[in-house]
Amino acid sequence: MPAIPATDEQVADIAAFLHGQVAEASNSADVPQGYPVKRLLTGNAEAGKAYFHGAGGCTNCHSPTGDLAEIANKYSPIELEAQMLYPEGKFTTVVVTLPSGEKIAGPLVHIDEFSVALHDASGEYRSFARDRVKTEIQDRLAAHRNLLDKLTQSEIHNLFAYLQSLN
């Protein structure tokens, strides 16, 4: 950067500003729990409800009186928005069909071109050679991932406003 004519006081002000920006950026991943919901709530809850029950297809997997009942009370606003966009947890299951026709299903633990592993209904770890079984992967988050690429900012804010109203 070329030299600029500045007094020592101006250089100190610039340095303080830059240090403040670095501190703010390094703390930005740690949004305080008390983050005001009004900063996030810029959408229209009615429009979000219409999208949820219509074009979004959310009711194919979710229910505002079932799994999402009082969801706004379960998470802070920032956590609710994060869960809405990037749900956490194990959502991939596998159904393994043995040569006998018996089907074993459970959460997917590992899969590669040689083997597939899962926890069966009793919680037992089971592993199978892929060339001896048929496998069917069921990813319950596929719809979320597909929708994420299609959602507009407005739709995201509207959906969040609707979910925030479920308390």
Protein backbone atom coordinates (compact mmCIF):
# COMPACT_ATOMS: atom_id res chain seq x y z
CA MET A 1 0.00 0.00 0.00
CA PRO A 2 1.43 3.38 -0.85
CA ALA A 3 2.13 5.76 2.00
CA ILE A 4 -0.65 8.20 2.84
CA PRO A 5 -0.14 11.51 4.56
CA ALA A 6 -1.61 10.96 8.04
CA THR A 7 -0.86 12.17 11.52
CA ASP A 8 0.08 9.73 14.29
CA GLU A 9 -3.42 10.22 15.74
CA GLN A 10 -5.06 9.32 12.41
CA VAL A 11 -2.86 6.23 12.05
CA ALA A 12 -3.88 5.18 15.60
CA ASP A 13 -7.55 5.70 14.71
CA ILE A 14 -7.21 3.58 11.57
CA ALA A 15 -5.39 0.85 13.51
CA ALA A 16 -8.07 0.86 16.22
CA PHE A 17 -10.80 0.60 13.58
CA LEU A 18 -9.07 -2.33 11.84
CA HIS A 19 -8.49 -4.14 15.15
CA GLY A 20 -12.18 -3.66 15.95
CA GLN A 21 -13.19 -5.13 12.59
CA VAL A 22 -10.96 -8.17 13.15
CA ALA A 23 -12.39 -8.70 16.66
CA GLU A 24 -15.96 -8.42 15.37
CA ALA A 25 -15.29 -10.87 12.54
CA SER A 26 -13.60 -13.40 14.81
CA ASN A 27 -16.55 -13.29 17.21
CA SER A 28 -19.23 -13.36 14.51
CA ALA A 29 -19.52 -17.16 14.66
CA ASP A 30 -20.46 -16.84 18.34
CA VAL A 31 -23.70 -14.91 18.09
CA PRO A 32 -24.90 -14.21 21.64
CA GLN A 33 -27.93 -16.20 22.83
CA GLY A 34 -29.78 -12.94 23.45
CA TYR A 35 -29.54 -11.92 19.79
CA PRO A 36 -32.69 -9.89 19.23
CA VAL A 37 -35.32 -11.74 17.21
CA LYS A 38 -36.40 -8.48 15.57
CA ARG A 39 -33.08 -8.46 13.68
CA LEU A 40 -33.92 -11.85 12.18
CA LEU A 41 -37.67 -11.40 11.85
CA THR A 42 -37.95 -9.50 8.61
CA GLY A 43 -40.32 -11.89 6.87
CA ASN A 44 -44.07 -12.23 6.70
CA ALA A 45 -45.42 -15.14 8.79
CA GLU A 46 -48.59 -15.50 6.67
CA ALA A 47 -46.54 -15.71 3.48
CA GLY A 48 -44.29 -18.24 5.20
CA LYS A 49 -47.31 -20.30 6.25
CA ALA A 50 -48.63 -20.27 2.68
CA TYR A 51 -45.24 -21.42 1.36
CA PHE A 52 -44.95 -24.08 4.10
CA HIS A 53 -48.36 -25.56 3.25
CA GLY A 54 -48.04 -24.98 -0.51
CA ALA A 55 -45.12 -24.58 -2.89
CA GLY A 56 -42.45 -25.43 -0.30
CA GLY A 57 -43.90 -28.89 0.24
CA CYS A 58 -42.87 -28.76 3.90
CA THR A 59 -46.02 -30.62 5.01
CA ASN A 60 -44.75 -33.71 3.19
CA CYS A 61 -42.46 -34.27 6.19
CA HIS A 62 -43.41 -31.74 8.88
CA SER A 63 -46.47 -30.70 10.85
CA PRO A 64 -46.92 -27.43 12.76
CA THR A 65 -48.90 -29.37 15.39
CA GLY A 66 -46.58 -32.41 15.34
CA ASP A 67 -42.80 -32.30 15.08
CA LEU A 68 -42.76 -28.49 14.82
CA ALA A 69 -45.24 -27.80 17.64
CA GLU A 70 -43.84 -24.99 19.80
CA ILE A 71 -40.57 -25.10 17.84
CA ALA A 72 -39.95 -21.42 18.59
CA ASN A 73 -39.79 -22.29 22.31
CA LYS A 74 -37.24 -25.06 21.76
CA TYR A 75 -34.55 -22.95 20.07
CA SER A 76 -33.26 -19.43 20.33
CA PRO A 77 -34.11 -17.39 17.20
CA ILE A 78 -30.63 -17.77 15.73
CA GLU A 79 -30.61 -21.53 16.44
CA LEU A 80 -34.08 -21.92 14.94
CA GLU A 81 -33.00 -20.24 11.73
CA ALA A 82 -29.87 -22.42 11.60
CA GLN A 83 -31.91 -25.60 12.21
CA MET A 84 -34.38 -24.58 9.53
CA LEU A 85 -31.64 -24.15 6.94
CA TYR A 86 -29.13 -26.80 8.09
CA PRO A 87 -30.82 -29.42 10.30
CA GLU A 88 -28.45 -31.33 12.55
CA GLY A 89 -28.58 -35.02 13.25
CA LYS A 90 -28.38 -38.34 11.46
CA PHE A 91 -31.03 -38.40 8.79
CA THR A 92 -29.65 -41.03 6.43
CA THR A 93 -30.87 -44.59 6.78
CA VAL A 94 -30.12 -47.66 4.72
CA VAL A 95 -32.15 -50.75 3.94
CA VAL A 96 -29.99 -53.79 3.27
CA THR A 97 -31.65 -56.71 1.53
CA LEU A 98 -29.87 -60.01 2.14
CA PRO A 99 -29.75 -62.79 -0.50
CA SER A 100 -32.47 -64.55 1.53
CA GLY A 101 -34.77 -61.55 1.03
CA GLU A 102 -34.54 -60.47 4.68
CA LYS A 103 -34.40 -56.69 5.03
CA ILE A 104 -32.35 -54.95 7.72
CA ALA A 105 -32.77 -51.22 8.13
CA GLY A 106 -31.17 -48.59 10.32
CA PRO A 107 -29.08 -45.48 10.49
CA LEU A 108 -26.24 -45.52 7.97
CA VAL A 109 -22.86 -45.68 9.70
CA HIS A 110 -20.56 -46.21 6.73
CA ILE A 111 -20.76 -46.92 3.03
CA ASP A 112 -18.15 -47.28 0.32
CA GLU A 113 -17.83 -49.39 -2.82
CA PHE A 114 -16.95 -52.50 -0.77
CA SER A 115 -19.09 -52.42 2.37
CA VAL A 116 -22.11 -50.91 4.06
CA ALA A 117 -22.61 -50.64 7.81
CA LEU A 118 -25.58 -49.69 9.95
CA HIS A 119 -27.04 -49.98 13.43
CA ASP A 120 -30.01 -52.33 13.31
CA ALA A 121 -33.27 -51.99 15.28
CA SER A 122 -31.62 -53.42 18.41
CA GLY A 123 -28.72 -50.96 18.10
CA GLU A 124 -26.26 -53.66 17.03
CA TYR A 125 -23.57 -52.67 14.53
CA ARG A 126 -23.92 -54.66 11.31
CA SER A 127 -21.62 -54.64 8.30
CA PHE A 128 -22.18 -56.25 4.90
CA ALA A 129 -20.16 -56.77 1.73
CA ARG A 130 -21.81 -54.62 -0.96
CA ASP A 131 -21.41 -57.26 -3.66
CA ARG A 132 -23.58 -59.70 -1.64
CA VAL A 133 -26.50 -57.45 -0.69
CA LYS A 134 -28.80 -54.89 -2.20
CA THR A 135 -28.67 -51.44 -0.58
CA GLU A 136 -31.20 -48.66 -0.65
CA ILE A 137 -30.17 -45.31 0.82
CA GLN A 138 -32.90 -43.11 2.27
CA ASP A 139 -31.82 -39.52 2.88
CA ARG A 140 -34.55 -37.64 4.76
CA LEU A 141 -32.71 -34.35 4.23
CA ALA A 142 -32.62 -34.58 0.44
CA ALA A 143 -35.69 -32.35 0.21
CA HIS A 144 -34.02 -29.75 2.48
CA ARG A 145 -30.87 -29.72 0.38
CA ASN A 146 -32.82 -29.46 -2.88
CA LEU A 147 -35.00 -26.68 -1.51
CA LEU A 148 -32.06 -24.70 -0.16
CA ASP A 149 -30.81 -24.07 -3.69
CA LYS A 150 -34.23 -22.82 -4.77
CA LEU A 151 -35.32 -20.66 -1.81
CA THR A 152 -35.20 -16.93 -2.30
CA GLN A 153 -34.10 -14.65 0.54
CA SER A 154 -37.70 -13.53 0.90
CA GLU A 155 -38.95 -17.12 1.20
CA ILE A 156 -36.30 -17.90 3.82
CA HIS A 157 -37.33 -14.89 5.90
CA ASN A 158 -41.02 -15.70 5.49
CA LEU A 159 -40.53 -19.34 6.52
CA PHE A 160 -38.51 -18.25 9.53
CA ALA A 161 -41.22 -15.77 10.54
CA TYR A 162 -43.80 -18.55 10.29
CA LEU A 163 -41.72 -20.99 12.37
CA GLN A 164 -41.07 -18.27 14.92
CA SER A 165 -44.84 -17.92 15.29
CA LEU A 166 -45.17 -21.61 16.31
CA ASN A 167 -44.91 -21.11 20.06
